[in-house]
Amino acid sequence: SIKDLMDTMIITSDNTASDLLIEKAGGAKTVTAFLHDRKLTNMRVDRTEAEMLAETLDITLPPKTEWTHKMFKDYLDSVTAKDKESIRRRNAGNLKDTATPKAMKLLKPELTNLILDAMLRCETGAKRLKGLLPKEVKVAHKTGTDFIATNDVGIINLPNKEGHIAIAVFVNNSDKPMPEQEKAIAEVARSIYSFFAS
């Protein structure tokens, strides 16, 4: 079902589920047209995850009937540190598949609640936004990772029902190892949480 695909996309960061949802919606151009028709011009969906990978690595994918999990894993495993640096330089400033906070105002309350529920169950990025927060703090979040960006976007619940913190932390174009990038995200989240929770 659509809900199952959405849950899988958010909870385990499954790119295949994301691509299937885009396909079911009519493709990336249709999704962007839908958003722009509703005056959400600060959000664009240009490619599926598979297309993004192919463009980023400058490769031509075989027909979909030949795609396998191993094929994509092999592509990713073949990328060297030197390749990553080249990819970062080549893609710096790329505006494809971007959004701004101004774009986030379309959803009905019931759909918002479905998405927030999935985000509360997110299994990726344990060392990012949630990494340095007290264990009891609820965080609804969604991670993102590619060759040039490591991020986590979410809502942190303040204690005693005092409100929420909407937060987006992106580490972009960094040559630091992943643990250091994730620690930076966690430190930003902890600092902001500490300010509002004290």
C-alpha atoms as a PDB file:
ATOM      1  CA  SER A   1       0.000   0.000   0.000  1.00  0.00           C
ATOM      2  CA  ILE A   2       1.005   3.667  -0.249  1.00  0.00           C
ATOM      3  CA  LYS A   3       1.220   3.825   3.549  1.00  0.00           C
ATOM      4  CA  ASP A   4       3.538   0.796   3.655  1.00  0.00           C
ATOM      5  CA  LEU A   5       5.821   2.388   1.056  1.00  0.00           C
ATOM      6  CA  MET A   6       5.775   5.687   2.953  1.00  0.00           C
ATOM      7  CA  ASP A   7       6.613   3.944   6.239  1.00  0.00           C
ATOM      8  CA  THR A   8       9.449   2.004   4.621  1.00  0.00           C
ATOM      9  CA  MET A   9      10.804   5.148   2.959  1.00  0.00           C
ATOM     10  CA  ILE A  10      10.813   7.117   6.222  1.00  0.00           C
ATOM     11  CA  ILE A  11      11.551   4.491   8.869  1.00  0.00           C
ATOM     12  CA  THR A  12      14.380   2.608   7.145  1.00  0.00           C
ATOM     13  CA  SER A  13      15.307   5.254   4.548  1.00  0.00           C
ATOM     14  CA  ASP A  14      14.521   2.829   1.730  1.00  0.00           C
ATOM     15  CA  ASN A  15      15.264   4.496  -1.605  1.00  0.00           C
ATOM     16  CA  THR A  16      13.344   1.890  -3.605  1.00  0.00           C
ATOM     17  CA  ALA A  17      10.177   2.782  -1.690  1.00  0.00           C
ATOM     18  CA  SER A  18      10.826   6.454  -2.427  1.00  0.00           C
ATOM     19  CA  ASP A  19      11.233   5.732  -6.141  1.00  0.00           C
ATOM     20  CA  LEU A  20       8.068   3.613  -6.221  1.00  0.00           C
ATOM     21  CA  LEU A  21       6.078   6.447  -4.624  1.00  0.00           C
ATOM     22  CA  ILE A  22       7.410   8.924  -7.192  1.00  0.00           C
ATOM     23  CA  GLU A  23       6.519   6.475  -9.954  1.00  0.00           C
ATOM     24  CA  LYS A  24       2.997   5.942  -8.557  1.00  0.00           C
ATOM     25  CA  ALA A  25       2.536   9.725  -8.458  1.00  0.00           C
ATOM     26  CA  GLY A  26       3.364   9.984 -12.166  1.00  0.00           C
ATOM     27  CA  GLY A  27       7.084  10.750 -12.050  1.00  0.00           C
ATOM     28  CA  ALA A  28       9.300  13.528 -10.737  1.00  0.00           C
ATOM     29  CA  LYS A  29       8.045  16.169 -13.174  1.00  0.00           C
ATOM     30  CA  THR A  30       4.426  15.423 -12.223  1.00  0.00           C
ATOM     31  CA  VAL A  31       5.253  15.727  -8.518  1.00  0.00           C
ATOM     32  CA  THR A  32       6.986  19.071  -9.049  1.00  0.00           C
ATOM     33  CA  ALA A  33       4.115  20.343 -11.228  1.00  0.00           C
ATOM     34  CA  PHE A  34       1.645  19.326  -8.493  1.00  0.00           C
ATOM     35  CA  LEU A  35       3.644  21.282  -5.911  1.00  0.00           C
ATOM     36  CA  HIS A  36       4.046  24.336  -8.115  1.00  0.00           C
ATOM     37  CA  ASP A  37       0.333  24.345  -8.996  1.00  0.00           C
ATOM     38  CA  ARG A  38      -0.263  24.760  -5.270  1.00  0.00           C
ATOM     39  CA  LYS A  39       2.160  27.701  -5.082  1.00  0.00           C
ATOM     40  CA  LEU A  40       4.901  25.589  -3.471  1.00  0.00           C
ATOM     41  CA  THR A  41       7.528  26.869  -5.854  1.00  0.00           C
ATOM     42  CA  ASN A  42      10.379  26.485  -3.352  1.00  0.00           C
ATOM     43  CA  MET A  43      10.291  22.697  -3.625  1.00  0.00           C
ATOM     44  CA  ARG A  44      11.328  20.585  -6.573  1.00  0.00           C
ATOM     45  CA  VAL A  45      11.596  16.874  -7.278  1.00  0.00           C
ATOM     46  CA  ASP A  46      13.788  16.372 -10.337  1.00  0.00           C
ATOM     47  CA  ARG A  47      14.867  12.736 -10.124  1.00  0.00           C
ATOM     48  CA  THR A  48      14.246   9.411  -8.477  1.00  0.00           C
ATOM     49  CA  GLU A  49      16.932   8.141  -6.112  1.00  0.00           C
ATOM     50  CA  ALA A  50      18.179   5.762  -8.809  1.00  0.00           C
ATOM     51  CA  GLU A  51      18.429   8.610 -11.323  1.00  0.00           C
ATOM     52  CA  MET A  52      20.186  10.764  -8.744  1.00  0.00           C
ATOM     53  CA  LEU A  53      22.745   8.012  -8.131  1.00  0.00           C
ATOM     54  CA  ALA A  54      23.357   7.535 -11.855  1.00  0.00           C
ATOM     55  CA  GLU A  55      23.787  11.258 -12.452  1.00  0.00           C
ATOM     56  CA  THR A  56      26.002  11.707  -9.391  1.00  0.00           C
ATOM     57  CA  LEU A  57      28.289   8.834 -10.385  1.00  0.00           C
ATOM     58  CA  ASP A  58      28.090   9.729 -14.083  1.00  0.00           C
ATOM     59  CA  ILE A  59      26.994   6.220 -15.056  1.00  0.00           C
ATOM     60  CA  THR A  60      24.308   4.782 -17.306  1.00  0.00           C
ATOM     61  CA  LEU A  61      22.007   2.358 -15.532  1.00  0.00           C
ATOM     62  CA  PRO A  62      20.912  -0.820 -17.304  1.00  0.00           C
ATOM     63  CA  PRO A  63      17.177  -1.375 -17.966  1.00  0.00           C
ATOM     64  CA  LYS A  64      15.085  -1.585 -14.781  1.00  0.00           C
ATOM     65  CA  THR A  65      14.452  -5.284 -15.380  1.00  0.00           C
ATOM     66  CA  GLU A  66      18.168  -5.863 -14.712  1.00  0.00           C
ATOM     67  CA  TRP A  67      18.373  -3.830 -11.496  1.00  0.00           C
ATOM     68  CA  THR A  68      19.355  -5.686  -8.338  1.00  0.00           C
ATOM     69  CA  HIS A  69      20.266  -4.703  -4.813  1.00  0.00           C
ATOM     70  CA  LYS A  70      23.764  -6.097  -5.428  1.00  0.00           C
ATOM     71  CA  MET A  71      24.169  -3.936  -8.542  1.00  0.00           C
ATOM     72  CA  PHE A  72      23.494  -0.731  -6.595  1.00  0.00           C
ATOM     73  CA  LYS A  73      25.682  -1.895  -3.702  1.00  0.00           C
ATOM     74  CA  ASP A  74      28.526  -2.592  -6.132  1.00  0.00           C
ATOM     75  CA  TYR A  75      28.164   0.901  -7.615  1.00  0.00           C
ATOM     76  CA  LEU A  76      28.352   2.478  -4.160  1.00  0.00           C
ATOM     77  CA  ASP A  77      31.210   0.245  -2.995  1.00  0.00           C
ATOM     78  CA  SER A  78      33.274   1.161  -6.066  1.00  0.00           C
ATOM     79  CA  VAL A  79      33.376   4.861  -5.123  1.00  0.00           C
ATOM     80  CA  THR A  80      36.801   5.815  -3.783  1.00  0.00           C
ATOM     81  CA  ALA A  81      37.660   8.749  -1.515  1.00  0.00           C
ATOM     82  CA  LYS A  82      39.110  10.513  -4.573  1.00  0.00           C
ATOM     83  CA  ASP A  83      35.841   9.900  -6.445  1.00  0.00           C
ATOM     84  CA  LYS A  84      33.866  11.377  -3.531  1.00  0.00           C
ATOM     85  CA  GLU A  85      35.963  14.548  -3.609  1.00  0.00           C
ATOM     86  CA  SER A  86      35.381  14.890  -7.347  1.00  0.00           C
ATOM     87  CA  ILE A  87      31.636  14.297  -6.846  1.00  0.00           C
ATOM     88  CA  ARG A  88      31.513  16.941  -4.108  1.00  0.00           C
ATOM     89  CA  ARG A  89      33.192  19.521  -6.346  1.00  0.00           C
ATOM     90  CA  ARG A  90      31.040  18.654  -9.373  1.00  0.00           C
ATOM     91  CA  ASN A  91      27.753  18.831  -7.439  1.00  0.00           C
ATOM     92  CA  ALA A  92      28.399  21.832  -5.200  1.00  0.00           C
ATOM     93  CA  GLY A  93      25.550  24.287  -5.662  1.00  0.00           C
ATOM     94  CA  ASN A  94      23.331  21.822  -7.535  1.00  0.00           C
ATOM     95  CA  LEU A  95      19.730  22.939  -6.958  1.00  0.00           C
ATOM     96  CA  LYS A  96      18.067  19.754  -8.185  1.00  0.00           C
ATOM     97  CA  ASP A  97      15.758  18.047  -5.671  1.00  0.00           C
ATOM     98  CA  THR A  98      15.798  20.918  -3.185  1.00  0.00           C
ATOM     99  CA  ALA A  99      13.301  22.578  -0.879  1.00  0.00           C
ATOM    100  CA  THR A 100      13.059  25.396   1.621  1.00  0.00           C
ATOM    101  CA  PRO A 101      10.916  25.658   4.778  1.00  0.00           C
ATOM    102  CA  LYS A 102       8.511  27.910   2.830  1.00  0.00           C
ATOM    103  CA  ALA A 103       7.460  24.822   0.880  1.00  0.00           C
ATOM    104  CA  MET A 104       6.199  22.858   3.884  1.00  0.00           C
ATOM    105  CA  LYS A 105       2.539  23.793   4.184  1.00  0.00           C
ATOM    106  CA  LEU A 106       0.471  21.499   1.984  1.00  0.00           C
ATOM    107  CA  LEU A 107      -0.512  18.478   4.073  1.00  0.00           C
ATOM    108  CA  LYS A 108      -3.847  17.837   5.749  1.00  0.00           C
ATOM    109  CA  PRO A 109      -3.678  17.117   9.518  1.00  0.00           C
ATOM    110  CA  GLU A 110      -4.423  13.387   9.144  1.00  0.00           C
ATOM    111  CA  LEU A 111      -1.594  12.924   6.626  1.00  0.00           C
ATOM    112  CA  THR A 112       0.724  15.048   8.755  1.00  0.00           C
ATOM    113  CA  ASN A 113       0.010  12.719  11.704  1.00  0.00           C
ATOM    114  CA  LEU A 114       0.741   9.618   9.583  1.00  0.00           C
ATOM    115  CA  ILE A 115       4.087  11.038   8.539  1.00  0.00           C
ATOM    116  CA  LEU A 116       4.998  12.172  12.052  1.00  0.00           C
ATOM    117  CA  ASP A 117       4.193   8.694  13.385  1.00  0.00           C
ATOM    118  CA  ALA A 118       6.570   7.152  10.839  1.00  0.00           C
ATOM    119  CA  MET A 119       9.226   9.760  11.654  1.00  0.00           C
ATOM    120  CA  LEU A 120       8.992   8.891  15.357  1.00  0.00           C
ATOM    121  CA  ARG A 121       9.808   5.292  14.390  1.00  0.00           C
ATOM    122  CA  CYS A 122      12.746   6.226  12.150  1.00  0.00           C
ATOM    123  CA  GLU A 123      15.523   3.618  12.524  1.00  0.00           C
ATOM    124  CA  THR A 124      18.331   5.516  10.795  1.00  0.00           C
ATOM    125  CA  GLY A 125      20.567   8.274  12.118  1.00  0.00           C
ATOM    126  CA  ALA A 126      20.683   7.259  15.792  1.00  0.00           C
ATOM    127  CA  LYS A 127      23.884   9.314  16.174  1.00  0.00           C
ATOM    128  CA  ARG A 128      22.543  12.434  14.472  1.00  0.00           C
ATOM    129  CA  LEU A 129      19.734  14.586  15.954  1.00  0.00           C
ATOM    130  CA  LYS A 130      19.028  12.025  18.701  1.00  0.00           C
ATOM    131  CA  GLY A 131      22.687  11.204  19.357  1.00  0.00           C
ATOM    132  CA  LEU A 132      23.363  13.462  22.358  1.00  0.00           C
ATOM    133  CA  LEU A 133      19.824  14.114  23.572  1.00  0.00           C
ATOM    134  CA  PRO A 134      18.418  12.501  26.737  1.00  0.00           C
ATOM    135  CA  LYS A 135      17.070   9.038  25.889  1.00  0.00           C
ATOM    136  CA  GLU A 136      13.515   9.957  26.931  1.00  0.00           C
ATOM    137  CA  VAL A 137      13.263  12.826  24.428  1.00  0.00           C
ATOM    138  CA  LYS A 138      10.998  12.009  21.486  1.00  0.00           C
ATOM    139  CA  VAL A 139      12.357  12.983  18.090  1.00  0.00           C
ATOM    140  CA  ALA A 140      10.368  12.631  14.857  1.00  0.00           C
ATOM    141  CA  HIS A 141      13.012  12.759  12.145  1.00  0.00           C
ATOM    142  CA  LYS A 142      14.171  11.708   8.700  1.00  0.00           C
ATOM    143  CA  THR A 143      17.790  11.338   7.678  1.00  0.00           C
ATOM    144  CA  GLY A 144      19.427  11.841   4.333  1.00  0.00           C
ATOM    145  CA  THR A 145      22.862  10.811   3.124  1.00  0.00           C
ATOM    146  CA  ASP A 146      24.645  11.012  -0.198  1.00  0.00           C
ATOM    147  CA  PHE A 147      28.118  11.777  -1.478  1.00  0.00           C
ATOM    148  CA  ILE A 148      27.972  15.490  -0.691  1.00  0.00           C
ATOM    149  CA  ALA A 149      25.493  15.826   2.178  1.00  0.00           C
ATOM    150  CA  THR A 150      24.733  14.235   5.522  1.00  0.00           C
ATOM    151  CA  ASN A 151      21.599  15.494   7.209  1.00  0.00           C
ATOM    152  CA  ASP A 152      18.795  14.971   9.659  1.00  0.00           C
ATOM    153  CA  VAL A 153      15.544  16.935   9.718  1.00  0.00           C
ATOM    154  CA  GLY A 154      12.948  16.624  12.417  1.00  0.00           C
ATOM    155  CA  ILE A 155      10.881  17.782  15.340  1.00  0.00           C
ATOM    156  CA  ILE A 156      12.218  17.504  18.889  1.00  0.00           C
ATOM    157  CA  ASN A 157       9.623  17.382  21.666  1.00  0.00           C
ATOM    158  CA  LEU A 158      10.409  19.580  24.647  1.00  0.00           C
ATOM    159  CA  PRO A 159       9.834  18.259  28.180  1.00  0.00           C
ATOM    160  CA  ASN A 160       6.560  18.812  30.064  1.00  0.00           C
ATOM    161  CA  LYS A 161       4.672  19.437  26.806  1.00  0.00           C
ATOM    162  CA  GLU A 162       6.294  22.856  26.519  1.00  0.00           C
ATOM    163  CA  GLY A 163       6.379  22.717  22.730  1.00  0.00           C
ATOM    164  CA  HIS A 164       8.490  21.477  19.877  1.00  0.00           C
ATOM    165  CA  ILE A 165      11.672  22.414  18.067  1.00  0.00           C
ATOM    166  CA  ALA A 166      11.629  22.170  14.263  1.00  0.00           C
ATOM    167  CA  ILE A 167      15.206  21.496  13.231  1.00  0.00           C
ATOM    168  CA  ALA A 168      17.150  20.775  10.055  1.00  0.00           C
ATOM    169  CA  VAL A 169      20.901  20.176  10.221  1.00  0.00           C
ATOM    170  CA  PHE A 170      22.844  19.662   7.002  1.00  0.00           C
ATOM    171  CA  VAL A 171      26.556  18.940   6.717  1.00  0.00           C
ATOM    172  CA  ASN A 172      27.311  19.769   3.121  1.00  0.00           C
ATOM    173  CA  ASN A 173      30.370  19.140   0.992  1.00  0.00           C
ATOM    174  CA  SER A 174      32.474  17.940   3.947  1.00  0.00           C
ATOM    175  CA  ASP A 175      35.552  15.756   3.672  1.00  0.00           C
ATOM    176  CA  LYS A 176      35.232  14.703   7.334  1.00  0.00           C
ATOM    177  CA  PRO A 177      34.514  11.038   8.155  1.00  0.00           C
ATOM    178  CA  MET A 178      30.858  10.118   8.710  1.00  0.00           C
ATOM    179  CA  PRO A 179      31.184   9.770  12.527  1.00  0.00           C
ATOM    180  CA  GLU A 180      32.461  13.365  12.733  1.00  0.00           C
ATOM    181  CA  GLN A 181      29.659  14.661  10.520  1.00  0.00           C
ATOM    182  CA  GLU A 182      27.064  12.843  12.624  1.00  0.00           C
ATOM    183  CA  LYS A 183      28.634  14.162  15.832  1.00  0.00           C
ATOM    184  CA  ALA A 184      28.383  17.719  14.486  1.00  0.00           C
ATOM    185  CA  ILE A 185      24.670  17.203  13.819  1.00  0.00           C
ATOM    186  CA  ALA A 186      24.190  15.772  17.318  1.00  0.00           C
ATOM    187  CA  GLU A 187      26.032  18.678  18.937  1.00  0.00           C
ATOM    188  CA  VAL A 188      23.869  21.246  17.126  1.00  0.00           C
ATOM    189  CA  ALA A 189      20.704  19.420  18.225  1.00  0.00           C
ATOM    190  CA  ARG A 190      21.915  19.146  21.835  1.00  0.00           C
ATOM    191  CA  SER A 191      22.811  22.862  21.995  1.00  0.00           C
ATOM    192  CA  ILE A 192      19.445  23.954  20.657  1.00  0.00           C
ATOM    193  CA  TYR A 193      17.543  21.498  22.870  1.00  0.00           C
ATOM    194  CA  SER A 194      19.473  22.629  25.960  1.00  0.00           C
ATOM    195  CA  PHE A 195      18.677  26.273  25.238  1.00  0.00           C
ATOM    196  CA  PHE A 196      14.918  25.692  24.919  1.00  0.00           C
ATOM    197  CA  ALA A 197      14.586  22.999  27.587  1.00  0.00           C
ATOM    198  CA  SER A 198      16.387  24.898  30.346  1.00  0.00           C
END
